[in-house]
Amino acid sequence: MYVLSTEVYNEGMKYTDAFYVATKFCMVQCDSEHSSLRVTAEIRYIKSVYGFIKTFIEKNSHTYIENGVNEQVRRLEKQQKTQ
């Protein structure tokens, strides 16, 4: 089993100092030819923010997280096809 934990902090935009995204990648070998990858991501708040700002942060963060995970899956599938 391999586990990779990351924390991504952003800067340069309003409210980016109020939160960060914690992501965990867990890869487990199922057998000699197959493995499983589980990705979890969580928005963690450093500062208190208003409800409508929190909704905005979460909506946009979830979109970027989903796009990033989907891109990683595409890369893994492409790598698998070349082997």
PDB file of N, CA and C in Angstrom:
ATOM      1  N   MET A   1       0.837  -1.163   0.000  1.00  0.00           N
ATOM      2  CA  MET A   1       0.000   0.000   0.000  1.00  0.00           C
ATOM      3  C   MET A   1       0.891   1.239   0.000  1.00  0.00           C
ATOM      4  N   TYR A   2       0.512   2.208  -0.815  1.00  0.00           N
ATOM      5  CA  TYR A   2       1.195   3.489  -0.866  1.00  0.00           C
ATOM      6  C   TYR A   2       0.181   4.572  -0.543  1.00  0.00           C
ATOM      7  N   VAL A   3       0.574   5.505   0.308  1.00  0.00           N
ATOM      8  CA  VAL A   3      -0.299   6.622   0.667  1.00  0.00           C
ATOM      9  C   VAL A   3       0.489   7.915   0.492  1.00  0.00           C
ATOM     10  N   LEU A   4      -0.116   8.846  -0.215  1.00  0.00           N
ATOM     11  CA  LEU A   4       0.476  10.160  -0.421  1.00  0.00           C
ATOM     12  C   LEU A   4      -0.516  11.199   0.073  1.00  0.00           C
ATOM     13  N   SER A   5      -0.085  12.014   1.017  1.00  0.00           N
ATOM     14  CA  SER A   5      -0.936  13.083   1.542  1.00  0.00           C
ATOM     15  C   SER A   5      -0.365  14.423   1.103  1.00  0.00           C
ATOM     16  N   THR A   6      -1.244  15.309   0.640  1.00  0.00           N
ATOM     17  CA  THR A   6      -0.807  16.632   0.210  1.00  0.00           C
ATOM     18  C   THR A   6      -1.680  17.702   0.848  1.00  0.00           C
ATOM     19  N   GLU A   7      -1.118  18.872   0.970  1.00  0.00           N
ATOM     20  CA  GLU A   7      -1.857  20.058   1.390  1.00  0.00           C
ATOM     21  C   GLU A   7      -1.517  21.148   0.389  1.00  0.00           C
ATOM     22  N   VAL A   8      -2.538  21.702  -0.250  1.00  0.00           N
ATOM     23  CA  VAL A   8      -2.325  22.726  -1.269  1.00  0.00           C
ATOM     24  C   VAL A   8      -2.870  24.053  -0.750  1.00  0.00           C
ATOM     25  N   TYR A   9      -1.976  25.026  -0.677  1.00  0.00           N
ATOM     26  CA  TYR A   9      -2.334  26.378  -0.264  1.00  0.00           C
ATOM     27  C   TYR A   9      -2.245  27.268  -1.495  1.00  0.00           C
ATOM     28  N   ASN A  10      -3.224  28.119  -1.698  1.00  0.00           N
ATOM     29  CA  ASN A  10      -3.235  29.022  -2.842  1.00  0.00           C
ATOM     30  C   ASN A  10      -2.952  30.438  -2.365  1.00  0.00           C
ATOM     31  N   GLU A  11      -2.593  31.290  -3.317  1.00  0.00           N
ATOM     32  CA  GLU A  11      -2.365  32.692  -2.978  1.00  0.00           C
ATOM     33  C   GLU A  11      -2.678  33.554  -4.183  1.00  0.00           C
ATOM     34  N   GLY A  12      -2.810  34.832  -3.932  1.00  0.00           N
ATOM     35  CA  GLY A  12      -2.999  35.775  -5.021  1.00  0.00           C
ATOM     36  C   GLY A  12      -4.441  36.145  -5.308  1.00  0.00           C
ATOM     37  N   MET A  13      -5.388  35.518  -4.629  1.00  0.00           N
ATOM     38  CA  MET A  13      -6.797  35.842  -4.826  1.00  0.00           C
ATOM     39  C   MET A  13      -7.441  36.034  -3.458  1.00  0.00           C
ATOM     40  N   LYS A  14      -8.540  36.732  -3.457  1.00  0.00           N
ATOM     41  CA  LYS A  14      -9.246  36.995  -2.205  1.00  0.00           C
ATOM     42  C   LYS A  14      -9.722  35.683  -1.577  1.00  0.00           C
ATOM     43  N   TYR A  15      -9.581  35.567  -0.280  1.00  0.00           N
ATOM     44  CA  TYR A  15     -10.015  34.429   0.544  1.00  0.00           C
ATOM     45  C   TYR A  15      -9.145  33.176   0.406  1.00  0.00           C
ATOM     46  N   THR A  16      -8.118  33.194  -0.432  1.00  0.00           N
ATOM     47  CA  THR A  16      -7.282  31.992  -0.531  1.00  0.00           C
ATOM     48  C   THR A  16      -6.470  31.757   0.741  1.00  0.00           C
ATOM     49  N   ASP A  17      -6.359  32.774   1.576  1.00  0.00           N
ATOM     50  CA  ASP A  17      -5.658  32.591   2.849  1.00  0.00           C
ATOM     51  C   ASP A  17      -6.567  31.992   3.924  1.00  0.00           C
ATOM     52  N   ALA A  18      -7.831  31.750   3.580  1.00  0.00           N
ATOM     53  CA  ALA A  18      -8.803  31.249   4.550  1.00  0.00           C
ATOM     54  C   ALA A  18      -8.928  29.731   4.553  1.00  0.00           C
ATOM     55  N   PHE A  19      -8.339  29.064   3.568  1.00  0.00           N
ATOM     56  CA  PHE A  19      -8.511  27.619   3.470  1.00  0.00           C
ATOM     57  C   PHE A  19      -7.352  26.981   2.711  1.00  0.00           C
ATOM     58  N   TYR A  20      -7.283  25.670   2.784  1.00  0.00           N
ATOM     59  CA  TYR A  20      -6.386  24.882   1.945  1.00  0.00           C
ATOM     60  C   TYR A  20      -7.084  23.572   1.629  1.00  0.00           C
ATOM     61  N   VAL A  21      -6.559  22.858   0.648  1.00  0.00           N
ATOM     62  CA  VAL A  21      -7.149  21.581   0.247  1.00  0.00           C
ATOM     63  C   VAL A  21      -6.191  20.464   0.646  1.00  0.00           C
ATOM     64  N   ALA A  22      -6.691  19.537   1.452  1.00  0.00           N
ATOM     65  CA  ALA A  22      -5.921  18.360   1.866  1.00  0.00           C
ATOM     66  C   ALA A  22      -6.387  17.181   1.017  1.00  0.00           C
ATOM     67  N   THR A  23      -5.445  16.532   0.363  1.00  0.00           N
ATOM     68  CA  THR A  23      -5.765  15.411  -0.519  1.00  0.00           C
ATOM     69  C   THR A  23      -4.954  14.201  -0.102  1.00  0.00           C
ATOM     70  N   LYS A  24      -5.577  13.035  -0.177  1.00  0.00           N
ATOM     71  CA  LYS A  24      -4.892  11.788   0.150  1.00  0.00           C
ATOM     72  C   LYS A  24      -5.106  10.807  -1.001  1.00  0.00           C
ATOM     73  N   PHE A  25      -4.000  10.264  -1.510  1.00  0.00           N
ATOM     74  CA  PHE A  25      -4.019   9.248  -2.556  1.00  0.00           C
ATOM     75  C   PHE A  25      -3.592   7.935  -1.916  1.00  0.00           C
ATOM     76  N   CYS A  26      -4.402   6.909  -2.052  1.00  0.00           N
ATOM     77  CA  CYS A  26      -4.095   5.605  -1.476  1.00  0.00           C
ATOM     78  C   CYS A  26      -4.142   4.559  -2.587  1.00  0.00           C
ATOM     79  N   MET A  27      -3.002   3.924  -2.860  1.00  0.00           N
ATOM     80  CA  MET A  27      -2.921   2.910  -3.906  1.00  0.00           C
ATOM     81  C   MET A  27      -2.618   1.558  -3.277  1.00  0.00           C
ATOM     82  N   VAL A  28      -3.419   0.572  -3.643  1.00  0.00           N
ATOM     83  CA  VAL A  28      -3.274  -0.784  -3.114  1.00  0.00           C
ATOM     84  C   VAL A  28      -3.160  -1.748  -4.286  1.00  0.00           C
ATOM     85  N   GLN A  29      -2.188  -2.640  -4.230  1.00  0.00           N
ATOM     86  CA  GLN A  29      -2.055  -3.670  -5.257  1.00  0.00           C
ATOM     87  C   GLN A  29      -3.031  -4.795  -4.947  1.00  0.00           C
ATOM     88  N   CYS A  30      -3.928  -5.076  -5.911  1.00  0.00           N
ATOM     89  CA  CYS A  30      -4.932  -6.136  -5.738  1.00  0.00           C
ATOM     90  C   CYS A  30      -4.369  -7.495  -6.123  1.00  0.00           C
ATOM     91  N   ASP A  31      -3.651  -7.536  -7.224  1.00  0.00           N
ATOM     92  CA  ASP A  31      -2.966  -8.744  -7.675  1.00  0.00           C
ATOM     93  C   ASP A  31      -1.819  -8.300  -8.570  1.00  0.00           C
ATOM     94  N   SER A  32      -1.200  -9.232  -9.273  1.00  0.00           N
ATOM     95  CA  SER A  32      -0.007  -8.890 -10.051  1.00  0.00           C
ATOM     96  C   SER A  32      -0.286  -7.943 -11.211  1.00  0.00           C
ATOM     97  N   GLU A  33      -1.538  -7.828 -11.637  1.00  0.00           N
ATOM     98  CA  GLU A  33      -1.862  -6.973 -12.784  1.00  0.00           C
ATOM     99  C   GLU A  33      -2.842  -5.846 -12.468  1.00  0.00           C
ATOM    100  N   HIS A  34      -3.343  -5.799 -11.266  1.00  0.00           N
ATOM    101  CA  HIS A  34      -4.365  -4.809 -10.938  1.00  0.00           C
ATOM    102  C   HIS A  34      -4.049  -4.092  -9.625  1.00  0.00           C
ATOM    103  N   SER A  35      -4.440  -2.842  -9.592  1.00  0.00           N
ATOM    104  CA  SER A  35      -4.320  -2.074  -8.355  1.00  0.00           C
ATOM    105  C   SER A  35      -5.539  -1.174  -8.219  1.00  0.00           C
ATOM    106  N   SER A  36      -5.699  -0.647  -7.043  1.00  0.00           N
ATOM    107  CA  SER A  36      -6.835   0.215  -6.742  1.00  0.00           C
ATOM    108  C   SER A  36      -6.299   1.555  -6.251  1.00  0.00           C
ATOM    109  N   LEU A  37      -6.904   2.631  -6.729  1.00  0.00           N
ATOM    110  CA  LEU A  37      -6.514   3.971  -6.303  1.00  0.00           C
ATOM    111  C   LEU A  37      -7.726   4.665  -5.704  1.00  0.00           C
ATOM    112  N   ARG A  38      -7.567   5.126  -4.479  1.00  0.00           N
ATOM    113  CA  ARG A  38      -8.637   5.884  -3.825  1.00  0.00           C
ATOM    114  C   ARG A  38      -8.108   7.286  -3.550  1.00  0.00           C
ATOM    115  N   VAL A  39      -8.888   8.271  -3.949  1.00  0.00           N
ATOM    116  CA  VAL A  39      -8.507   9.665  -3.750  1.00  0.00           C
ATOM    117  C   VAL A  39      -9.569  10.335  -2.886  1.00  0.00           C
ATOM    118  N   THR A  40      -9.126  10.960  -1.814  1.00  0.00           N
ATOM    119  CA  THR A  40     -10.044  11.744  -0.990  1.00  0.00           C
ATOM    120  C   THR A  40      -9.492  13.162  -0.887  1.00  0.00           C
ATOM    121  N   ALA A  41     -10.388  14.117  -0.892  1.00  0.00           N
ATOM    122  CA  ALA A  41      -9.986  15.520  -0.783  1.00  0.00           C
ATOM    123  C   ALA A  41     -10.928  16.229   0.173  1.00  0.00           C
ATOM    124  N   GLU A  42     -10.370  17.161   0.896  1.00  0.00           N
ATOM    125  CA  GLU A  42     -11.144  17.875   1.908  1.00  0.00           C
ATOM    126  C   GLU A  42     -10.690  19.332   1.943  1.00  0.00           C
ATOM    127  N   ILE A  43     -11.650  20.227   2.007  1.00  0.00           N
ATOM    128  CA  ILE A  43     -11.345  21.641   2.166  1.00  0.00           C
ATOM    129  C   ILE A  43     -11.262  21.910   3.663  1.00  0.00           C
ATOM    130  N   ARG A  44     -10.124  22.430   4.087  1.00  0.00           N
ATOM    131  CA  ARG A  44      -9.931  22.729   5.508  1.00  0.00           C
ATOM    132  C   ARG A  44      -9.796  24.244   5.674  1.00  0.00           C
ATOM    133  N   TYR A  45     -10.572  24.780   6.577  1.00  0.00           N
ATOM    134  CA  TYR A  45     -10.589  26.226   6.782  1.00  0.00           C
ATOM    135  C   TYR A  45      -9.612  26.639   7.872  1.00  0.00           C
ATOM    136  N   ILE A  46      -8.863  27.678   7.575  1.00  0.00           N
ATOM    137  CA  ILE A  46      -7.903  28.255   8.509  1.00  0.00           C
ATOM    138  C   ILE A  46      -8.559  29.428   9.235  1.00  0.00           C
ATOM    139  N   LYS A  47      -9.383  30.165   8.490  1.00  0.00           N
ATOM    140  CA  LYS A  47     -10.080  31.334   9.021  1.00  0.00           C
ATOM    141  C   LYS A  47     -11.576  31.151   8.834  1.00  0.00           C
ATOM    142  N   SER A  48     -12.325  31.852   9.632  1.00  0.00           N
ATOM    143  CA  SER A  48     -13.776  31.830   9.501  1.00  0.00           C
ATOM    144  C   SER A  48     -14.190  32.678   8.293  1.00  0.00           C
ATOM    145  N   VAL A  49     -15.142  32.176   7.500  1.00  0.00           N
ATOM    146  CA  VAL A  49     -15.653  32.923   6.347  1.00  0.00           C
ATOM    147  C   VAL A  49     -17.178  32.898   6.371  1.00  0.00           C
ATOM    148  N   TYR A  50     -17.776  33.896   5.734  1.00  0.00           N
ATOM    149  CA  TYR A  50     -19.236  33.971   5.650  1.00  0.00           C
ATOM    150  C   TYR A  50     -19.787  32.795   4.861  1.00  0.00           C
ATOM    151  N   GLY A  51     -21.036  32.434   5.142  1.00  0.00           N
ATOM    152  CA  GLY A  51     -21.669  31.282   4.510  1.00  0.00           C
ATOM    153  C   GLY A  51     -21.660  31.316   2.999  1.00  0.00           C
ATOM    154  N   PHE A  52     -22.000  32.473   2.390  1.00  0.00           N
ATOM    155  CA  PHE A  52     -22.039  32.536   0.927  1.00  0.00           C
ATOM    156  C   PHE A  52     -20.648  32.457   0.326  1.00  0.00           C
ATOM    157  N   ILE A  53     -19.637  32.948   1.040  1.00  0.00           N
ATOM    158  CA  ILE A  53     -18.253  32.825   0.568  1.00  0.00           C
ATOM    159  C   ILE A  53     -17.809  31.371   0.673  1.00  0.00           C
ATOM    160  N   LYS A  54     -18.186  30.713   1.757  1.00  0.00           N
ATOM    161  CA  LYS A  54     -17.847  29.299   1.949  1.00  0.00           C
ATOM    162  C   LYS A  54     -18.460  28.455   0.831  1.00  0.00           C
ATOM    163  N   THR A  55     -19.707  28.741   0.475  1.00  0.00           N
ATOM    164  CA  THR A  55     -20.368  28.029  -0.623  1.00  0.00           C
ATOM    165  C   THR A  55     -19.610  28.237  -1.924  1.00  0.00           C
ATOM    166  N   PHE A  56     -19.195  29.465  -2.190  1.00  0.00           N
ATOM    167  CA  PHE A  56     -18.432  29.789  -3.401  1.00  0.00           C
ATOM    168  C   PHE A  56     -17.100  29.036  -3.418  1.00  0.00           C
ATOM    169  N   ILE A  57     -16.389  29.060  -2.294  1.00  0.00           N
ATOM    170  CA  ILE A  57     -15.102  28.364  -2.190  1.00  0.00           C
ATOM    171  C   ILE A  57     -15.286  26.874  -2.444  1.00  0.00           C
ATOM    172  N   GLU A  58     -16.272  26.270  -1.805  1.00  0.00           N
ATOM    173  CA  GLU A  58     -16.481  24.827  -1.932  1.00  0.00           C
ATOM    174  C   GLU A  58     -16.901  24.434  -3.341  1.00  0.00           C
ATOM    175  N   LYS A  59     -17.778  25.202  -3.953  1.00  0.00           N
ATOM    176  CA  LYS A  59     -18.217  24.895  -5.319  1.00  0.00           C
ATOM    177  C   LYS A  59     -17.031  24.912  -6.281  1.00  0.00           C
ATOM    178  N   ASN A  60     -16.246  25.975  -6.228  1.00  0.00           N
ATOM    179  CA  ASN A  60     -15.108  26.090  -7.136  1.00  0.00           C
ATOM    180  C   ASN A  60     -14.007  25.092  -6.810  1.00  0.00           C
ATOM    181  N   SER A  61     -13.745  24.871  -5.541  1.00  0.00           N
ATOM    182  CA  SER A  61     -12.709  23.906  -5.159  1.00  0.00           C
ATOM    183  C   SER A  61     -13.081  22.499  -5.594  1.00  0.00           C
ATOM    184  N   HIS A  62     -14.331  22.113  -5.391  1.00  0.00           N
ATOM    185  CA  HIS A  62     -14.758  20.771  -5.803  1.00  0.00           C
ATOM    186  C   HIS A  62     -14.611  20.586  -7.311  1.00  0.00           C
ATOM    187  N   THR A  63     -14.923  21.626  -8.080  1.00  0.00           N
ATOM    188  CA  THR A  63     -14.765  21.552  -9.536  1.00  0.00           C
ATOM    189  C   THR A  63     -13.302  21.327  -9.902  1.00  0.00           C
ATOM    190  N   TYR A  64     -12.388  22.102  -9.299  1.00  0.00           N
ATOM    191  CA  TYR A  64     -10.966  21.955  -9.597  1.00  0.00           C
ATOM    192  C   TYR A  64     -10.421  20.613  -9.117  1.00  0.00           C
ATOM    193  N   ILE A  65     -10.869  20.153  -7.968  1.00  0.00           N
ATOM    194  CA  ILE A  65     -10.431  18.852  -7.455  1.00  0.00           C
ATOM    195  C   ILE A  65     -10.879  17.748  -8.403  1.00  0.00           C
ATOM    196  N   GLU A  66     -12.148  17.778  -8.800  1.00  0.00           N
ATOM    197  CA  GLU A  66     -12.678  16.753  -9.705  1.00  0.00           C
ATOM    198  C   GLU A  66     -11.940  16.764 -11.035  1.00  0.00           C
ATOM    199  N   ASN A  67     -11.698  17.941 -11.584  1.00  0.00           N
ATOM    200  CA  ASN A  67     -10.962  18.031 -12.847  1.00  0.00           C
ATOM    201  C   ASN A  67      -9.543  17.489 -12.703  1.00  0.00           C
ATOM    202  N   GLY A  68      -8.893  17.793 -11.593  1.00  0.00           N
ATOM    203  CA  GLY A  68      -7.536  17.300 -11.367  1.00  0.00           C
ATOM    204  C   GLY A  68      -7.482  15.789 -11.227  1.00  0.00           C
ATOM    205  N   VAL A  69      -8.426  15.219 -10.497  1.00  0.00           N
ATOM    206  CA  VAL A  69      -8.470  13.761 -10.334  1.00  0.00           C
ATOM    207  C   VAL A  69      -8.775  13.093 -11.672  1.00  0.00           C
ATOM    208  N   ASN A  70      -9.725  13.642 -12.421  1.00  0.00           N
ATOM    209  CA  ASN A  70     -10.050  13.077 -13.736  1.00  0.00           C
ATOM    210  C   ASN A  70      -8.853  13.121 -14.675  1.00  0.00           C
ATOM    211  N   GLU A  71      -8.081  14.193 -14.624  1.00  0.00           N
ATOM    212  CA  GLU A  71      -6.878  14.293 -15.455  1.00  0.00           C
ATOM    213  C   GLU A  71      -5.859  13.236 -15.035  1.00  0.00           C
ATOM    214  N   GLN A  72      -5.708  13.023 -13.751  1.00  0.00           N
ATOM    215  CA  GLN A  72      -4.780  11.992 -13.267  1.00  0.00           C
ATOM    216  C   GLN A  72      -5.222  10.607 -13.724  1.00  0.00           C
ATOM    217  N   VAL A  73      -6.512  10.328 -13.680  1.00  0.00           N
ATOM    218  CA  VAL A  73      -7.042   9.038 -14.147  1.00  0.00           C
ATOM    219  C   VAL A  73      -6.753   8.867 -15.632  1.00  0.00           C
ATOM    220  N   ARG A  74      -6.955   9.919 -16.420  1.00  0.00           N
ATOM    221  CA  ARG A  74      -6.655   9.839 -17.862  1.00  0.00           C
ATOM    222  C   ARG A  74      -5.185   9.515 -18.101  1.00  0.00           C
ATOM    223  N   ARG A  75      -4.312  10.141 -17.335  1.00  0.00           N
ATOM    224  CA  ARG A  75      -2.876   9.883 -17.489  1.00  0.00           C
ATOM    225  C   ARG A  75      -2.523   8.450 -17.104  1.00  0.00           C
ATOM    226  N   LEU A  76      -3.113   7.953 -16.032  1.00  0.00           N
ATOM    227  CA  LEU A  76      -2.857   6.570 -15.619  1.00  0.00           C
ATOM    228  C   LEU A  76      -3.365   5.582 -16.664  1.00  0.00           C
ATOM    229  N   GLU A  77      -4.542   5.843 -17.213  1.00  0.00           N
ATOM    230  CA  GLU A  77      -5.086   4.960 -18.254  1.00  0.00           C
ATOM    231  C   GLU A  77      -4.210   4.988 -19.500  1.00  0.00           C
ATOM    232  N   LYS A  78      -3.724   6.157 -19.864  1.00  0.00           N
ATOM    233  CA  LYS A  78      -2.839   6.278 -21.029  1.00  0.00           C
ATOM    234  C   LYS A  78      -1.540   5.511 -20.788  1.00  0.00           C
ATOM    235  N   GLN A  79      -0.990   5.643 -19.594  1.00  0.00           N
ATOM    236  CA  GLN A  79       0.236   4.927 -19.246  1.00  0.00           C
ATOM    237  C   GLN A  79       0.010   3.422 -19.285  1.00  0.00           C
ATOM    238  N   GLN A  80      -1.129   2.981 -18.812  1.00  0.00           N
ATOM    239  CA  GLN A  80      -1.446   1.556 -18.793  1.00  0.00           C
ATOM    240  C   GLN A  80      -1.522   0.997 -20.209  1.00  0.00           C
ATOM    241  N   LYS A  81      -2.066   1.747 -21.146  1.00  0.00           N
ATOM    242  CA  LYS A  81      -2.211   1.284 -22.528  1.00  0.00           C
ATOM    243  C   LYS A  81      -0.876   1.161 -23.243  1.00  0.00           C
ATOM    244  N   THR A  82       0.134   1.929 -22.815  1.00  0.00           N
ATOM    245  CA  THR A  82       1.437   1.880 -23.473  1.00  0.00           C
ATOM    246  C   THR A  82       2.294   0.725 -22.972  1.00  0.00           C
ATOM    247  N   GLN A  83       1.850   0.048 -21.933  1.00  0.00           N
ATOM    248  CA  GLN A  83       2.659  -1.055 -21.388  1.00  0.00           C
ATOM    249  C   GLN A  83       2.220  -2.387 -21.921  1.00  0.00           C
TER     250      GLN A  83
END
